[in-house]
Protein backbone atom coordinates (compact mmCIF):
# COMPACT_ATOMS: atom_id res chain seq x y z
CA MET A 1 -18.27 3.60 60.43
CA MET A 2 -16.98 0.57 62.31
CA GLU A 3 -19.20 -2.44 61.64
CA ASN A 4 -21.05 -3.70 64.72
CA ILE A 5 -21.78 -7.28 65.67
CA PHE A 6 -25.58 -6.91 65.33
CA SER A 7 -25.51 -5.54 61.79
CA ILE A 8 -23.21 -8.36 60.69
CA TRP A 9 -25.21 -11.25 62.13
CA SER A 10 -28.43 -9.79 60.79
CA ASN A 11 -27.05 -10.65 57.32
CA PHE A 12 -27.26 -14.32 58.27
CA TYR A 13 -30.94 -14.34 59.33
CA PRO A 14 -32.28 -15.62 55.98
CA TYR A 15 -30.11 -18.74 56.28
CA LEU A 16 -31.92 -19.78 59.47
CA SER A 17 -34.59 -21.05 57.09
CA VAL A 18 -33.69 -24.42 55.58
CA HIS A 19 -36.10 -23.79 52.71
CA TYR A 20 -34.37 -20.49 51.89
CA SER A 21 -30.91 -22.08 52.26
CA GLN A 22 -31.78 -24.94 49.94
CA HIS A 23 -33.08 -22.51 47.32
CA TYR A 24 -29.95 -20.37 47.77
CA LEU A 25 -27.62 -23.37 47.38
CA LYS A 26 -29.52 -24.53 44.30
CA ASN A 27 -28.87 -21.15 42.69
CA CYS A 28 -25.20 -21.37 43.66
CA TYR A 29 -24.82 -24.80 42.11
CA GLU A 30 -26.69 -23.88 38.93
CA ASN A 31 -24.60 -20.73 38.46
CA GLN A 32 -21.42 -22.80 38.73
CA ASN A 33 -22.71 -25.70 36.59
CA LEU A 34 -22.23 -28.14 39.46
CA PRO A 35 -23.86 -31.59 39.25
CA GLU A 36 -27.44 -32.27 40.36
CA PRO A 37 -28.16 -28.85 41.85
CA ALA A 38 -31.61 -29.77 43.14
CA ALA A 39 -30.56 -32.98 44.85
CA ASN A 40 -27.33 -31.55 46.25
CA SER A 41 -28.98 -28.39 47.55
CA TYR A 42 -31.57 -30.54 49.32
CA LYS A 43 -28.80 -32.67 50.82
CA ASN A 44 -26.67 -29.71 51.93
CA GLY A 45 -29.40 -27.38 53.18
CA TYR A 46 -29.36 -28.60 56.78
CA PRO A 47 -25.54 -28.81 57.14
CA PHE A 48 -25.27 -25.30 55.67
CA CYS A 49 -27.72 -23.91 58.24
CA TYR A 50 -26.09 -25.80 61.10
CA TYR A 51 -22.56 -24.67 60.22
CA LEU A 52 -23.67 -21.03 60.23
CA GLN A 53 -25.62 -21.36 63.47
CA HIS A 54 -22.78 -23.22 65.21
CA GLY A 55 -20.29 -20.62 64.03
CA LYS A 56 -22.47 -17.80 65.32
CA MET A 57 -22.66 -19.46 68.74
CA PHE A 58 -18.87 -19.59 68.96
CA TYR A 59 -18.61 -15.91 68.06
CA LEU A 60 -21.28 -14.82 70.53
CA GLN A 61 -19.56 -16.80 73.29
CA ALA A 62 -16.23 -15.23 72.32
CA GLU A 63 -17.78 -11.78 72.70
CA GLN A 64 -18.45 -12.58 76.38
CA ALA A 65 -15.22 -14.51 77.04
CA PRO A 66 -11.95 -13.12 78.45
CA TYR A 67 -9.11 -12.59 75.99
CA GLU A 68 -7.33 -15.67 77.36
CA LEU A 69 -10.10 -17.85 75.85
CA LYS A 70 -11.07 -15.86 72.77
CA PRO A 71 -8.59 -17.43 70.29
CA VAL A 72 -10.05 -20.93 70.62
CA LEU A 73 -13.65 -19.75 70.36
CA LEU A 74 -12.94 -17.44 67.42
CA PHE A 75 -10.89 -20.03 65.54
CA TYR A 76 -13.55 -22.71 65.76
CA GLY A 77 -16.28 -20.19 65.01
CA MET A 78 -14.39 -19.19 61.88
CA ILE A 79 -14.01 -22.86 60.88
CA GLN A 80 -17.78 -23.38 60.99
CA LEU A 81 -18.47 -20.31 58.85
CA LEU A 82 -15.85 -21.39 56.34
CA LYS A 83 -17.41 -24.85 56.09
CA ALA A 84 -20.76 -23.27 55.23
CA TRP A 85 -19.11 -21.10 52.60
CA LEU A 86 -17.38 -24.15 51.11
CA LEU A 87 -20.76 -25.85 50.68
CA THR A 88 -21.67 -23.15 48.17
CA ALA A 89 -18.95 -24.41 45.81
CA ASP A 90 -18.26 -28.02 46.85
CA VAL A 91 -21.39 -30.17 46.76
CA ASP A 92 -19.63 -33.13 48.41
CA TYR A 93 -17.78 -31.33 51.21
CA PRO A 94 -16.31 -33.00 53.18
CA ASP A 95 -15.77 -35.94 50.84
CA LYS A 96 -12.27 -36.78 52.14
CA ALA A 97 -10.89 -36.99 55.66
CA ASN A 98 -7.84 -34.90 54.78
CA VAL A 99 -9.94 -31.77 54.17
CA LEU A 100 -11.01 -31.88 57.83
CA ALA A 101 -7.49 -31.17 59.13
CA HIS A 102 -6.54 -27.55 59.72
CA GLY A 103 -3.91 -27.65 56.97
CA VAL A 104 -1.35 -25.52 58.82
CA SER A 105 1.18 -26.33 61.55
CA SER A 106 3.24 -24.46 64.11
CA ARG A 107 6.13 -25.29 66.42
CA LYS A 108 4.53 -27.05 69.37
CA LYS A 109 7.18 -26.21 71.95
CA LYS A 110 8.29 -22.60 71.93
CA LYS A 111 11.97 -21.79 72.32
CA TYR A 112 13.38 -19.72 75.17
CA GLY A 113 12.90 -16.03 74.49
CA TYR A 114 9.90 -16.75 72.27
CA ALA A 115 8.15 -13.71 70.79
CA PHE A 116 4.83 -13.99 68.96
CA PHE A 117 5.89 -11.48 66.26
CA ASP A 118 8.77 -13.77 65.26
CA ASP A 119 6.76 -17.00 65.26
CA ALA A 120 5.85 -18.68 61.98
CA VAL A 121 3.26 -21.13 60.66
CA ARG A 122 3.86 -23.61 57.86
CA ILE A 123 1.27 -24.52 55.22
CA GLN A 124 0.54 -28.23 54.78
CA LYS A 125 -0.22 -30.05 51.54
CA THR A 126 -3.78 -30.96 52.51
CA GLY A 127 -6.40 -29.69 54.92
CA LEU A 128 -9.03 -27.00 55.17
CA PHE A 129 -6.61 -24.15 54.51
CA SER A 130 -5.33 -25.59 51.22
CA HIS A 131 -8.84 -26.59 50.17
CA LEU A 132 -10.06 -23.03 50.70
CA ALA A 133 -7.08 -21.51 48.91
CA LYS A 134 -7.54 -23.75 45.88
CA LEU A 135 -11.33 -23.90 45.58
CA MET A 136 -12.45 -20.46 46.75
CA PHE A 137 -9.46 -18.34 45.70
CA HIS A 138 -8.06 -20.41 42.79
CA MET A 139 -4.57 -20.26 44.25
CA LYS A 140 -1.62 -22.47 43.37
CA PRO A 141 -0.43 -24.97 46.02
CA LEU A 142 1.19 -23.27 49.01
CA GLU A 143 2.62 -26.42 50.60
CA GLY A 144 5.74 -25.74 52.65
CA LYS A 145 5.40 -21.94 52.71
CA LYS A 146 6.01 -20.29 56.05
CA TYR A 147 4.34 -17.09 57.20
CA CYS A 148 5.65 -14.92 60.03
CA MET A 149 3.15 -13.52 62.53
CA GLY A 150 4.65 -10.02 62.47
CA LEU A 151 4.35 -9.87 58.68
CA LEU A 152 0.78 -11.16 58.74
CA LEU A 153 -0.27 -8.60 61.35
CA LYS A 154 1.11 -5.83 59.13
CA ASN A 155 -1.38 -6.99 56.51
CA ILE A 156 -4.44 -6.30 58.69
CA PRO A 157 -5.43 -2.70 57.79
CA GLU A 158 -7.34 -2.08 61.04
CA LEU A 159 -4.06 -2.48 62.96
CA ASN A 160 -2.47 0.41 61.06
CA GLU A 161 -3.05 2.99 63.79
CA LEU A 162 -1.65 0.67 66.44
CA PHE A 163 1.50 0.11 64.37
CA LYS A 164 1.78 3.85 63.91
CA ARG A 165 1.61 4.50 67.65
CA MET A 166 3.68 1.60 68.94
CA LYS A 167 6.13 0.93 66.11
CA LYS A 168 6.23 4.47 64.65
CA LYS A 169 5.47 3.00 61.26
CA ALA A 170 2.30 3.08 59.16
CA PHE A 171 1.67 0.38 56.58
CA TYR A 172 -1.51 1.72 54.95
CA HIS A 173 -2.99 4.92 53.59
CA PRO A 174 -6.74 5.35 53.02
CA LEU A 175 -7.95 6.04 49.52
CA ILE A 176 -9.82 9.36 49.43
CA PRO A 177 -13.06 9.13 47.40
CA LYS A 178 -13.40 11.85 44.78
CA GLN A 179 -16.33 10.65 42.72
CA LYS A 180 -17.75 7.33 41.55
CA CYS A 181 -14.92 4.90 40.73
CA GLN A 182 -12.34 7.61 41.34
CA TYR A 183 -9.99 8.09 44.29
CA ILE A 184 -7.07 10.34 45.18
CA LEU A 185 -3.90 9.89 47.23
CA PRO A 186 -1.25 12.36 48.35
CA ILE A 187 1.70 11.99 46.00
CA ASN A 188 4.21 12.10 48.86
CA ILE A 189 3.29 8.54 49.88
CA LEU A 190 5.51 7.42 47.01
CA ASP A 191 8.50 8.57 49.09
CA GLU A 192 7.76 5.75 51.54
CA TRP A 193 7.88 3.21 48.72
CA HIS A 194 10.90 4.81 47.05
CA MET A 195 8.85 4.67 43.86
CA THR A 196 8.31 7.03 40.95
CA VAL A 197 4.86 8.05 39.75
CA ASP A 198 5.36 6.06 36.54
CA ARG A 199 6.30 2.89 38.40
CA PHE A 200 3.35 3.24 40.78
CA CYS A 201 0.94 3.74 37.88
CA GLN A 202 2.38 0.76 36.01
CA ASN A 203 1.67 -1.45 39.03
CA LEU A 204 -1.93 -0.26 39.16
CA ASN A 205 -2.40 -0.73 35.42
CA LYS A 206 -2.04 -4.49 36.00
CA TYR A 207 -5.37 -4.31 37.84
CA GLY A 208 -7.07 -2.24 35.17
CA ILE A 209 -6.69 0.97 37.16
CA SER A 210 -5.60 4.12 35.35
CA CYS A 211 -3.44 6.51 37.32
CA SER A 212 -2.25 10.06 36.77
CA SER A 213 -0.73 12.85 38.84
CA ASP A 214 -1.95 16.40 39.29
CA LYS A 215 0.23 18.69 41.40
CA ASN A 216 0.45 16.99 44.81
CA LEU A 217 -2.13 14.31 44.15
CA LEU A 218 -2.38 10.90 42.52
CA ILE A 219 -5.69 10.33 40.74
CA LEU A 220 -6.90 6.74 40.44
CA LYS A 221 -9.71 5.81 38.04
CA LEU A 222 -11.29 2.37 38.37
CA LYS A 223 -13.39 0.49 35.83
CA LYS A 224 -15.86 -0.63 38.51
CA GLU A 225 -16.64 0.17 42.11
CA LEU A 226 -14.68 -1.47 44.90
CA THR A 227 -16.40 -3.89 47.25
CA PRO A 228 -15.13 -5.24 50.58
CA ILE A 229 -14.24 -8.63 49.08
CA TYR A 230 -13.27 -7.49 45.58
CA ALA A 231 -10.88 -4.63 46.18
CA ASP A 232 -7.52 -5.80 44.75
CA PRO A 233 -4.93 -4.38 45.00
CA PHE A 234 -6.48 -2.51 47.92
CA GLN A 235 -8.01 -3.76 51.16
CA TYR A 236 -11.21 -2.93 52.93
CA SER A 237 -11.08 -1.67 56.52
CA LEU A 238 -13.94 -1.90 59.00
CA THR A 239 -13.67 1.87 59.31
CA GLY A 240 -15.32 1.95 55.89
CA ASP A 241 -12.14 2.99 54.09
CA TYR A 242 -10.34 1.24 51.26
CA MET A 243 -6.65 1.12 52.08
CA VAL A 244 -3.55 1.03 49.93
CA SER A 245 -0.52 -0.72 51.38
CA CYS A 246 2.66 1.32 51.62
CA SER A 247 4.73 -1.70 52.60
CA LYS A 248 6.76 -3.89 50.28
CA GLU A 249 6.12 -6.73 52.74
CA ARG A 250 2.73 -7.76 51.41
CA VAL A 251 1.75 -11.40 51.69
CA ASP A 252 0.42 -13.38 48.75
CA LEU A 253 -2.80 -14.31 50.54
CA PRO A 254 -6.39 -13.04 50.64
CA GLU A 255 -7.01 -11.37 53.99
CA ILE A 256 -9.41 -14.05 55.19
CA LEU A 257 -6.56 -16.60 54.97
CA VAL A 258 -4.28 -14.23 56.88
CA HIS A 259 -6.83 -14.26 59.72
CA TYR A 260 -6.98 -18.06 59.49
CA ILE A 261 -3.24 -18.48 60.05
CA ILE A 262 -3.00 -15.98 62.91
CA LEU A 263 -6.07 -17.35 64.69
CA TYR A 264 -4.83 -20.92 64.30
CA ASN A 265 -1.53 -20.04 65.91
CA LEU A 266 -3.12 -18.08 68.76
CA SER A 267 -5.54 -20.93 69.46
CA MET A 268 -2.65 -23.41 69.61
CA ILE A 269 -0.68 -21.13 71.93
CA SER A 270 -3.61 -20.61 74.27
CA ARG A 271 -4.16 -24.38 74.48
CA TYR A 272 -0.62 -25.73 74.60
CA GLU A 273 1.61 -22.88 75.75
CA THR A 274 -0.46 -21.99 78.80
CA GLU A 275 2.44 -20.75 80.93
CA TRP A 276 3.71 -18.32 78.26
CA TRP A 277 0.13 -17.26 77.44
CA TYR A 278 -0.71 -16.31 81.02
CA GLU A 279 2.63 -14.66 81.64
CA LEU A 280 1.95 -12.54 78.56
CA HIS A 281 -1.43 -11.48 79.96
CA TYR A 282 -0.49 -10.91 83.57
CA GLN A 283 3.06 -9.60 83.38
CA LYS A 284 2.17 -7.39 80.37
CA SER A 285 5.86 -7.00 79.57
CA SER A 286 5.62 -7.60 75.83
CA PRO A 287 4.11 -5.37 73.11
CA ASP A 288 2.81 -8.63 71.58
CA LEU A 289 -0.18 -8.36 73.93
CA SER A 290 -1.42 -5.08 72.45
CA PHE A 291 -1.36 -6.44 68.90
CA ILE A 292 -2.90 -9.78 69.88
CA HIS A 293 -5.82 -8.14 71.65
CA ALA A 294 -6.34 -5.65 68.82
CA PHE A 295 -6.30 -8.46 66.26
CA LEU A 296 -8.81 -10.52 68.27
CA ASP A 297 -11.17 -7.53 68.40
CA VAL A 298 -10.88 -7.05 64.64
CA THR A 299 -11.22 -10.67 63.57
CA ALA A 300 -14.28 -11.19 65.80
CA ILE A 301 -16.12 -8.81 63.48
CA LYS A 302 -14.28 -9.03 60.18
CA ILE A 303 -14.51 -12.78 59.51
CA PRO A 304 -18.33 -12.88 59.86
CA PHE A 305 -18.40 -9.66 57.82
CA PHE A 306 -16.34 -11.26 55.03
CA ILE A 307 -18.39 -14.47 55.04
CA SER A 308 -21.68 -12.58 54.91
CA HIS A 309 -20.39 -10.71 51.84
CA TYR A 310 -19.06 -13.83 50.15
CA LEU A 311 -22.44 -15.49 50.64
CA GLY A 312 -24.27 -12.39 49.48
CA VAL A 313 -22.58 -12.08 46.10
CA ILE A 314 -23.03 -15.62 44.79
């Protein structure tokens, strides 16, 4: 069932207590062998609470705001939640000014004939994005990489139905639960990938997933249960399904960073490309609008959902 905004924010209620947050951070620091867990948890308890509360305020305002204003509110709400999450692994955040920058950049002046799907964002050497990628996801430096909006949107599983209707192309199939740690897929999805059963199974074996075929089905056996934030190589959808990508155009980013890039770009467009932004909304002549609105609806729920799960598993 689609997650609702109340059930997500209820996960954050314990962190309204500074005493609880300090105890929680102390456990985080001790589990990661970080220095002076008691002193640092005491120091970071209030900022942790305030980041979460400030982020929640942005999201609740975005829920009431028109779509023209949502990107700015959602982007800065996301930033606050991410800062709180960083405090669970970085006792000195922010210890340097360069981690306060967004860490991504876009073309400030859009060219004639601009289309959002074709736009791209470049990753910078320093900033919040790179700090998150390195510290929280243990990724190698991404400096200089460019990511196209159309490609990133294809990597949001909740947009699959919209792509199917408007672009006549699906990019995900839901895994069908069979029993604990076991799922099935129709074998004909391999036709979309132009892939044999053996090749498909070899790819899954890299993730410790055994795969076999039985008549018209693929049977997947996992060593442990999937969770929304630990589902590789699959992705969690707010519908409650785990989805397998049937596109070869997968990005090398965790989904939360995909949301970061798209939201950053939309917030910049809404602030600095006002004429194009309002023409998009009022002329309604571009399919970009459908995907932008759908993404904003998804990210308003999914980022707090992700953060609540990341906080809950430490």
